Amino acid sequence: MGEKGEVSAVGASRAAESRKIINVVYLITALDITWIFLQLSVTPYLAKKLGFDTLWLGYLQTTVGVIQLLGGPVFGRFADLFGARTALSLACSSTVVFFLLLAVANHPAMLFIHKIPTVFMHVLPASQMVVTDLTEPEKRADALSKLGLCFGVGMIVGSMLGGHLNTRYGETFTACFGAVGNVFSLLLVLKFLPRTTKDPRTNTESENKSKSIFNLREITRLMKFPGVTPTFLVKIVAGLPSGIFQVMFSVIAMEFFKLQPEQNGYMMAYLGIVQMVIQGGVLGPLTVRYSESSLLIMSIGLTSLVGLAQAYTQSVFWFCVIVIPMMFSLSVFNVITDSMLTKSVPSSDTGTMLGLSASVKNLLRTVGPTAGGYLYMNYGQSSIGLIQFLVNMVVFVYLLLRPLKRTEARKE
């Protein structure tokens, strides 16, 4: 009885420590999203002052997509090999440099140069890795959805704060504020996060593999696990149209809806509130009650209908109405696909897998701005919604006929 009680006490202590680490990671994620959305209140308007049109704004966003597309998988493997604290320290430090370069940007070329540190700016995938490592598979989707709640909080605070600071104090002050905020995030990482969150048994196996973070064979071998490639294909094909709309939203808000920086901040805050409610209070119970496959199919079907509604939206009011199903479908789609992918690989490779998953989003950001800029300038904003409707409807019908098989890799 004494030994059992001792084991139980150790287990409870580990669970409490894991919960503390996860809560700190939630805070770091909320702060990171706050600084990112604060930046989104600066870049479009600064770019316009420097002579950028819609097409060049698209090129700027495409540059970020390309850089993060290349950096995502490598950063994920770096996190698996060197641990959560080192990975998040690198991500936060890079974000500090990113904001400092933005603060001194006074030439169009500087707007491109300040995007270079984004190669290491992967706080969200690193946070997802920590949450994945410290939660059981059956609770993973719910825990990952709480990161979406942090995303919503950051979107609200960052958008309103960024709009307020930019309107009253200008772009330079706002960028410097973001740099200081990221220094605080870095201090949280160094103070509270352990070197690694991997299970010691799986971490030992990882140490026996090639130590090179640039080992493409170790990165791409994850695609050979059952269920991984089909899930990736669905994530790319179904996510591309909505990804185009997301990366073009700042342009649509500025040119189609004619929103000023402060008004745009309020709009982004509204989006954050909707996402916070959905991921904090709706998504968790859904993941308990329904299968991941069913939720994935539902989210794709709803995204298709949202695209049709977006195509015929002409006012800010109706866009605010459409935002609710739009944020719901996107939240479900992103959380479920990430959960399915991490369950398909050993726990020692969750960082690399989440890096690959992030690279899918960055692929969409790479193609999206150029494609979105072309569609918007030649066919109007309705064309983006109609393409979203058609593509997602095709994927929806395909998954109804041939649903993805659920696979789960065991800890080795």
Protein backbone atom coordinates (compact mmCIF):
# COMPACT_ATOMS: atom_id res chain seq x y z
CA MET A 1 0.00 0.00 0.00
CA GLY A 2 2.88 2.36 0.83
CA GLU A 3 4.51 1.84 -2.57
CA LYS A 4 1.20 2.36 -4.37
CA GLY A 5 0.60 5.55 -2.42
CA GLU A 6 4.08 6.77 -3.28
CA VAL A 7 3.59 6.02 -6.98
CA SER A 8 0.23 7.77 -6.89
CA ALA A 9 1.78 10.84 -5.26
CA VAL A 10 4.54 10.95 -7.88
CA GLY A 11 1.95 10.66 -10.65
CA ALA A 12 -0.12 13.47 -9.15
CA SER A 13 3.00 15.64 -8.82
CA ARG A 14 3.92 15.06 -12.48
CA ALA A 15 0.36 15.83 -13.58
CA ALA A 16 0.40 19.09 -11.59
CA GLU A 17 3.77 20.05 -13.06
CA SER A 18 2.53 19.27 -16.59
CA ARG A 19 -0.57 21.39 -16.00
CA LYS A 20 1.61 24.29 -14.81
CA ILE A 21 3.83 24.06 -17.90
CA ILE A 22 0.81 23.90 -20.21
CA ASN A 23 -0.73 26.97 -18.56
CA VAL A 24 2.51 28.92 -19.01
CA VAL A 25 2.61 27.84 -22.66
CA TYR A 26 -0.97 29.06 -23.09
CA LEU A 27 0.11 32.46 -21.72
CA ILE A 28 3.18 32.58 -24.01
CA THR A 29 0.98 31.71 -26.99
CA ALA A 30 -1.57 34.41 -26.14
CA LEU A 31 1.22 36.98 -25.84
CA ASP A 32 2.82 35.88 -29.13
CA ILE A 33 -0.47 36.20 -31.00
CA THR A 34 -0.98 39.60 -29.37
CA TRP A 35 2.33 40.85 -30.79
CA ILE A 36 1.65 39.31 -34.23
CA PHE A 37 -1.74 41.02 -34.54
CA LEU A 38 -0.23 44.23 -33.23
CA GLN A 39 2.17 43.96 -36.19
CA LEU A 40 -0.78 43.43 -38.57
CA SER A 41 -2.05 46.85 -37.49
CA VAL A 42 1.22 48.36 -38.70
CA THR A 43 2.47 46.60 -41.84
CA PRO A 44 -0.41 47.21 -44.35
CA TYR A 45 -0.58 50.93 -43.56
CA LEU A 46 3.19 51.39 -43.46
CA ALA A 47 3.45 49.55 -46.78
CA LYS A 48 0.85 51.86 -48.29
CA LYS A 49 2.82 54.90 -47.11
CA LEU A 50 5.91 53.46 -48.80
CA GLY A 51 4.07 53.11 -52.11
CA PHE A 52 2.94 49.45 -52.07
CA ASP A 53 -0.20 48.56 -54.02
CA THR A 54 -2.37 45.45 -53.54
CA LEU A 55 -0.13 43.28 -55.73
CA TRP A 56 3.06 44.26 -53.90
CA LEU A 57 1.38 43.65 -50.56
CA GLY A 58 0.68 40.17 -51.92
CA TYR A 59 4.35 39.73 -52.79
CA LEU A 60 5.31 40.81 -49.27
CA GLN A 61 3.02 38.23 -47.70
CA THR A 62 4.24 35.60 -50.16
CA THR A 63 7.80 36.29 -48.99
CA VAL A 64 6.78 35.47 -45.42
CA GLY A 65 5.05 32.30 -46.61
CA VAL A 66 8.15 31.10 -48.49
CA ILE A 67 10.48 31.82 -45.57
CA GLN A 68 8.26 30.07 -43.02
CA LEU A 69 7.52 27.23 -45.43
CA LEU A 70 11.25 26.47 -45.52
CA GLY A 71 11.75 27.06 -41.81
CA GLY A 72 8.72 25.20 -40.38
CA PRO A 73 9.82 21.54 -40.78
CA VAL A 74 13.44 22.32 -39.81
CA PHE A 75 12.28 24.26 -36.73
CA GLY A 76 10.01 21.36 -35.76
CA ARG A 77 12.91 18.90 -35.92
CA PHE A 78 15.07 21.39 -33.99
CA ALA A 79 12.41 21.41 -31.25
CA ASP A 80 12.34 17.58 -31.15
CA LEU A 81 16.13 17.38 -30.83
CA PHE A 82 16.93 20.30 -28.53
CA GLY A 83 13.75 20.67 -26.48
CA ALA A 84 10.94 23.12 -25.89
CA ARG A 85 12.87 25.78 -23.97
CA THR A 86 15.60 26.18 -26.60
CA ALA A 87 13.08 26.16 -29.46
CA LEU A 88 10.76 28.75 -27.90
CA SER A 89 13.73 30.91 -26.87
CA LEU A 90 14.88 30.96 -30.50
CA ALA A 91 11.36 31.80 -31.72
CA CYS A 92 10.87 34.66 -29.24
CA SER A 93 14.35 36.10 -29.88
CA SER A 94 13.68 36.08 -33.62
CA THR A 95 10.42 37.95 -33.06
CA VAL A 96 12.28 40.66 -31.12
CA VAL A 97 14.60 41.17 -34.11
CA PHE A 98 11.57 41.13 -36.44
CA PHE A 99 9.95 44.05 -34.59
CA LEU A 100 13.15 46.05 -34.32
CA LEU A 101 13.67 45.80 -38.08
CA LEU A 102 10.05 46.86 -38.62
CA ALA A 103 10.61 49.88 -36.36
CA VAL A 104 13.43 51.18 -38.57
CA ALA A 105 11.78 50.31 -41.91
CA ASN A 106 11.76 53.49 -44.01
CA HIS A 107 12.23 51.99 -47.47
CA PRO A 108 10.25 49.35 -49.44
CA ALA A 109 13.27 47.00 -49.35
CA MET A 110 13.31 47.14 -45.54
CA LEU A 111 9.80 45.74 -45.40
CA PHE A 112 11.11 42.62 -47.15
CA ILE A 113 14.29 42.48 -45.04
CA HIS A 114 12.36 42.63 -41.76
CA LYS A 115 10.56 39.41 -42.74
CA ILE A 116 13.79 37.34 -42.69
CA PRO A 117 13.59 36.46 -38.95
CA THR A 118 10.20 34.80 -39.59
CA VAL A 119 12.20 31.69 -40.59
CA PHE A 120 12.43 30.96 -36.83
CA MET A 121 9.16 32.59 -35.67
CA HIS A 122 7.23 29.40 -34.88
CA VAL A 123 5.94 29.95 -31.35
CA LEU A 124 2.55 28.37 -32.08
CA PRO A 125 3.90 25.04 -33.49
CA ALA A 126 6.38 24.84 -30.58
CA SER A 127 3.54 25.46 -28.12
CA GLN A 128 1.45 22.80 -29.86
CA MET A 129 4.36 20.37 -29.44
CA VAL A 130 4.53 21.02 -25.69
CA VAL A 131 0.76 20.55 -25.28
CA THR A 132 0.87 17.39 -27.40
CA ASP A 133 3.78 15.95 -25.39
CA LEU A 134 2.07 16.57 -22.05
CA THR A 135 -1.48 15.38 -22.84
CA GLU A 136 -3.01 11.96 -23.45
CA PRO A 137 -4.17 11.23 -27.05
CA GLU A 138 -7.87 11.19 -26.10
CA LYS A 139 -7.57 14.67 -24.55
CA ARG A 140 -5.32 16.12 -27.24
CA ALA A 141 -7.91 17.81 -29.47
CA ASP A 142 -9.47 19.54 -26.47
CA ALA A 143 -6.05 20.72 -25.21
CA LEU A 144 -5.05 21.97 -28.66
CA SER A 145 -8.36 23.83 -28.96
CA LYS A 146 -7.39 25.80 -25.83
CA LEU A 147 -4.45 27.14 -27.82
CA GLY A 148 -7.09 28.46 -30.20
CA LEU A 149 -8.68 30.20 -27.21
CA CYS A 150 -5.30 31.84 -26.57
CA PHE A 151 -5.24 32.79 -30.26
CA GLY A 152 -8.59 34.53 -29.84
CA VAL A 153 -7.44 36.43 -26.76
CA GLY A 154 -4.28 37.53 -28.57
CA MET A 155 -6.26 38.56 -31.63
CA ILE A 156 -8.56 40.75 -29.54
CA VAL A 157 -5.88 42.42 -27.44
CA GLY A 158 -3.32 42.72 -30.26
CA SER A 159 -5.74 44.14 -32.80
CA MET A 160 -7.24 46.75 -30.49
CA LEU A 161 -3.88 47.66 -28.96
CA GLY A 162 -2.19 47.84 -32.37
CA GLY A 163 -4.95 49.97 -33.87
CA HIS A 164 -4.90 52.32 -30.88
CA LEU A 165 -1.10 52.67 -30.75
CA ASN A 166 -0.73 53.06 -34.52
CA THR A 167 -3.42 55.74 -34.72
CA ARG A 168 -2.07 57.80 -31.80
CA TYR A 169 1.69 57.19 -31.80
CA GLY A 170 2.57 55.86 -35.25
CA GLU A 171 4.15 52.76 -36.72
CA THR A 172 7.63 53.10 -35.16
CA PHE A 173 6.39 53.30 -31.57
CA THR A 174 4.00 50.39 -32.13
CA ALA A 175 6.79 48.20 -33.52
CA CYS A 176 9.07 49.06 -30.57
CA PHE A 177 6.24 48.18 -28.19
CA GLY A 178 6.01 44.77 -29.88
CA ALA A 179 9.77 44.22 -29.45
CA VAL A 180 9.57 44.95 -25.71
CA GLY A 181 6.57 42.63 -25.38
CA ASN A 182 8.50 39.78 -26.98
CA VAL A 183 11.39 40.28 -24.55
CA PHE A 184 8.86 39.63 -21.76
CA SER A 185 7.70 36.44 -23.55
CA LEU A 186 11.32 35.30 -23.80
CA LEU A 187 11.80 35.79 -20.04
CA LEU A 188 8.72 33.61 -19.37
CA VAL A 189 10.21 30.84 -21.52
CA LEU A 190 13.57 30.94 -19.75
CA LYS A 191 11.98 31.05 -16.28
CA PHE A 192 9.25 28.41 -16.45
CA LEU A 193 9.85 25.92 -19.26
CA PRO A 194 11.92 22.74 -18.80
CA ARG A 195 14.66 21.83 -21.26
CA THR A 196 12.44 19.17 -22.83
CA THR A 197 8.86 17.96 -22.51
CA LYS A 198 9.46 14.62 -24.24
CA ASP A 199 8.93 11.30 -22.48
CA PRO A 200 12.42 10.15 -21.38
CA ARG A 201 11.97 6.82 -23.19
CA THR A 202 11.08 8.41 -26.52
CA ASN A 203 13.71 11.10 -26.01
CA THR A 204 16.40 8.41 -25.73
CA GLU A 205 15.29 6.95 -29.03
CA SER A 206 15.40 10.38 -30.61
CA GLU A 207 19.00 10.83 -29.42
CA ASN A 208 19.96 7.64 -31.24
CA LYS A 209 18.84 9.12 -34.56
CA SER A 210 20.84 11.47 -36.75
CA LYS A 211 21.38 14.73 -34.84
CA SER A 212 21.28 16.92 -37.94
CA ILE A 213 18.25 19.19 -37.98
CA PHE A 214 18.63 19.41 -41.77
CA ASN A 215 18.24 15.64 -42.25
CA LEU A 216 15.46 15.66 -44.85
CA ARG A 217 15.11 11.89 -44.69
CA GLU A 218 14.20 12.10 -40.99
CA ILE A 219 11.68 14.86 -41.76
CA THR A 220 10.03 13.31 -44.81
CA ARG A 221 9.87 9.77 -43.37
CA LEU A 222 6.88 10.93 -41.29
CA MET A 223 4.87 11.14 -44.50
CA LYS A 224 5.12 7.34 -44.77
CA PHE A 225 3.12 6.71 -41.60
CA PRO A 226 -0.45 5.48 -42.31
CA GLY A 227 -2.97 8.27 -42.72
CA VAL A 228 -0.46 11.12 -42.79
CA THR A 229 -0.31 11.81 -46.55
CA PRO A 230 -4.13 11.78 -47.10
CA THR A 231 -4.61 14.14 -44.16
CA PHE A 232 -1.96 16.48 -45.55
CA LEU A 233 -3.61 16.48 -48.98
CA VAL A 234 -6.98 17.36 -47.44
CA LYS A 235 -5.33 20.09 -45.36
CA ILE A 236 -3.74 21.62 -48.47
CA VAL A 237 -6.61 21.34 -50.96
CA ALA A 238 -9.46 22.28 -48.60
CA GLY A 239 -7.39 24.92 -46.80
CA LEU A 240 -6.09 26.79 -49.87
CA PRO A 241 -9.22 28.84 -50.74
CA SER A 242 -9.94 29.90 -47.16
CA GLY A 243 -6.20 30.58 -46.76
CA ILE A 244 -6.38 32.97 -49.71
CA PHE A 245 -9.20 34.89 -48.03
CA GLN A 246 -7.35 35.04 -44.70
CA VAL A 247 -4.14 36.47 -46.16
CA MET A 248 -6.14 38.94 -48.26
CA PHE A 249 -8.37 40.06 -45.40
CA SER A 250 -6.25 43.08 -44.42
CA VAL A 251 -6.41 44.29 -48.04
CA ILE A 252 -10.15 43.60 -48.32
CA ALA A 253 -10.78 45.43 -45.03
CA MET A 254 -8.72 48.43 -46.14
CA GLU A 255 -9.90 48.71 -49.78
CA PHE A 256 -13.28 46.94 -50.08
CA PHE A 257 -14.77 47.78 -46.67
CA LYS A 258 -12.74 51.06 -46.38
CA LEU A 259 -11.77 50.46 -42.75
CA GLN A 260 -9.30 52.79 -41.01
CA PRO A 261 -6.56 51.34 -38.72
CA GLU A 262 -8.62 51.73 -35.54
CA GLN A 263 -11.76 50.33 -37.19
CA ASN A 264 -9.74 47.42 -38.55
CA GLY A 265 -8.50 46.82 -35.00
CA TYR A 266 -12.09 46.58 -33.76
CA MET A 267 -12.94 44.17 -36.57
CA MET A 268 -10.01 41.89 -35.71
CA ALA A 269 -11.00 42.07 -32.05
CA TYR A 270 -14.50 40.90 -32.99
CA LEU A 271 -12.98 37.98 -34.90
CA GLY A 272 -10.94 37.18 -31.80
CA ILE A 273 -14.01 37.20 -29.54
CA VAL A 274 -15.83 34.80 -31.87
CA GLN A 275 -12.81 32.46 -32.03
CA MET A 276 -12.33 32.64 -28.27
CA VAL A 277 -15.94 31.58 -27.61
CA ILE A 278 -15.78 28.79 -30.19
CA GLN A 279 -12.46 27.29 -29.12
CA GLY A 280 -12.94 27.89 -25.42
CA GLY A 281 -16.53 26.75 -25.01
CA VAL A 282 -17.72 24.88 -28.09
CA LEU A 283 -14.91 22.86 -29.63
CA GLY A 284 -13.93 20.88 -26.51
CA PRO A 285 -17.36 19.29 -25.93
CA LEU A 286 -17.68 18.53 -29.66
CA THR A 287 -14.39 16.59 -29.70
CA VAL A 288 -15.66 14.46 -26.82
CA ARG A 289 -19.02 13.71 -28.38
CA TYR A 290 -18.19 13.25 -32.08
CA SER A 291 -15.44 11.46 -33.98
CA GLU A 292 -12.61 13.46 -35.55
CA SER A 293 -13.53 12.17 -39.01
CA SER A 294 -17.13 13.41 -38.67
CA LEU A 295 -16.01 16.82 -37.40
CA LEU A 296 -13.53 17.15 -40.26
CA ILE A 297 -16.19 16.43 -42.91
CA MET A 298 -18.62 18.83 -41.23
CA SER A 299 -16.07 21.64 -41.11
CA ILE A 300 -15.25 21.29 -44.82
CA GLY A 301 -18.93 21.32 -45.80
CA LEU A 302 -19.55 24.41 -43.69
CA THR A 303 -16.47 26.15 -45.14
CA SER A 304 -17.93 25.59 -48.60
CA LEU A 305 -21.20 27.32 -47.65
CA VAL A 306 -19.28 30.15 -45.97
CA GLY A 307 -17.40 30.74 -49.23
CA LEU A 308 -20.69 31.10 -51.10
CA ALA A 309 -21.94 33.61 -48.53
CA GLN A 310 -18.66 35.59 -48.68
CA ALA A 311 -18.99 35.92 -52.45
CA TYR A 312 -22.20 37.92 -52.06
CA THR A 313 -21.27 39.95 -48.98
CA GLN A 314 -21.25 43.69 -49.69
CA SER A 315 -21.36 45.25 -46.21
CA VAL A 316 -19.44 45.06 -42.95
CA PHE A 317 -22.62 44.06 -41.09
CA TRP A 318 -23.22 40.93 -43.16
CA PHE A 319 -19.55 40.03 -43.00
CA CYS A 320 -19.80 40.15 -39.18
CA VAL A 321 -22.69 37.69 -39.41
CA ILE A 322 -20.76 35.32 -41.69
CA VAL A 323 -17.72 35.46 -39.40
CA ILE A 324 -19.41 33.14 -36.87
CA PRO A 325 -19.70 30.03 -39.10
CA MET A 326 -16.41 30.97 -40.80
CA MET A 327 -14.43 30.95 -37.54
CA PHE A 328 -16.21 27.81 -36.35
CA SER A 329 -15.36 25.82 -39.48
CA LEU A 330 -11.74 27.05 -39.55
CA SER A 331 -11.23 26.27 -35.87
CA VAL A 332 -12.58 22.74 -36.18
CA PHE A 333 -10.62 22.09 -39.38
CA ASN A 334 -7.26 23.25 -37.96
CA VAL A 335 -7.57 21.56 -34.56
CA ILE A 336 -8.83 18.23 -35.92
CA THR A 337 -6.23 17.93 -38.68
CA ASP A 338 -3.38 18.76 -36.25
CA SER A 339 -4.73 16.24 -33.74
CA MET A 340 -5.04 13.52 -36.39
CA LEU A 341 -1.49 14.14 -37.63
CA THR A 342 0.16 14.03 -34.18
CA LYS A 343 -1.67 10.81 -33.34
CA SER A 344 -0.30 9.22 -36.51
CA VAL A 345 3.38 9.48 -35.47
CA PRO A 346 5.43 8.49 -32.38
CA SER A 347 5.51 11.09 -29.59
CA SER A 348 9.25 11.64 -30.19
CA ASP A 349 8.37 13.19 -33.58
CA THR A 350 5.45 15.47 -32.67
CA GLY A 351 7.54 18.63 -33.08
CA THR A 352 8.63 17.68 -36.58
CA MET A 353 5.07 16.71 -37.51
CA LEU A 354 3.66 19.99 -36.22
CA GLY A 355 6.42 21.80 -38.12
CA LEU A 356 5.30 20.03 -41.29
CA SER A 357 1.70 20.93 -40.48
CA ALA A 358 2.70 24.56 -40.03
CA SER A 359 4.49 24.38 -43.38
CA VAL A 360 1.15 23.52 -45.00
CA LYS A 361 -0.30 26.76 -43.62
CA ASN A 362 2.79 28.58 -44.86
CA LEU A 363 2.41 26.97 -48.28
CA LEU A 364 -1.07 28.49 -48.37
CA ARG A 365 0.42 31.83 -47.32
CA THR A 366 2.98 31.49 -50.11
CA VAL A 367 0.48 30.82 -52.88
CA GLY A 368 -2.41 32.73 -51.33
CA PRO A 369 -1.26 36.36 -51.49
CA THR A 370 -0.22 36.24 -55.15
CA ALA A 371 -3.30 34.25 -56.19
CA GLY A 372 -5.54 36.39 -53.99
CA GLY A 373 -4.06 39.64 -55.30
CA TYR A 374 -4.59 38.49 -58.88
CA LEU A 375 -8.19 37.36 -58.25
CA TYR A 376 -9.06 40.52 -56.29
CA MET A 377 -7.66 42.93 -58.85
CA ASN A 378 -9.11 41.15 -61.89
CA TYR A 379 -12.35 39.55 -60.69
CA GLY A 380 -13.22 41.23 -57.38
CA GLN A 381 -13.47 39.82 -53.87
CA SER A 382 -16.48 37.62 -54.79
CA SER A 383 -14.23 35.36 -56.90
CA ILE A 384 -12.31 34.28 -53.77
CA GLY A 385 -15.52 33.14 -52.06
CA LEU A 386 -16.82 31.29 -55.12
CA ILE A 387 -13.57 29.32 -55.48
CA GLN A 388 -13.74 28.43 -51.78
CA PHE A 389 -17.30 27.16 -52.29
CA LEU A 390 -16.45 24.97 -55.29
CA VAL A 391 -13.18 23.46 -54.00
CA ASN A 392 -14.49 22.63 -50.54
CA MET A 393 -17.69 21.16 -51.93
CA VAL A 394 -15.63 18.76 -54.07
CA VAL A 395 -13.52 17.72 -51.03
CA PHE A 396 -16.68 17.38 -48.92
CA VAL A 397 -18.31 14.98 -51.39
CA TYR A 398 -15.05 13.00 -51.75
CA LEU A 399 -14.72 12.52 -47.97
CA LEU A 400 -18.35 11.46 -47.70
CA LEU A 401 -17.60 8.69 -50.18
CA ARG A 402 -14.10 7.86 -48.88
CA PRO A 403 -13.58 9.13 -45.30
CA LEU A 404 -10.08 9.27 -43.83
CA LYS A 405 -9.16 6.22 -41.78
CA ARG A 406 -8.23 6.88 -38.17
CA THR A 407 -4.70 5.80 -37.30
CA GLU A 408 -2.70 6.16 -34.11
CA ALA A 409 0.98 5.53 -33.52
CA ARG A 410 1.96 4.14 -30.15
CA LYS A 411 4.75 5.45 -27.99
CA GLU A 412 7.80 3.36 -28.72
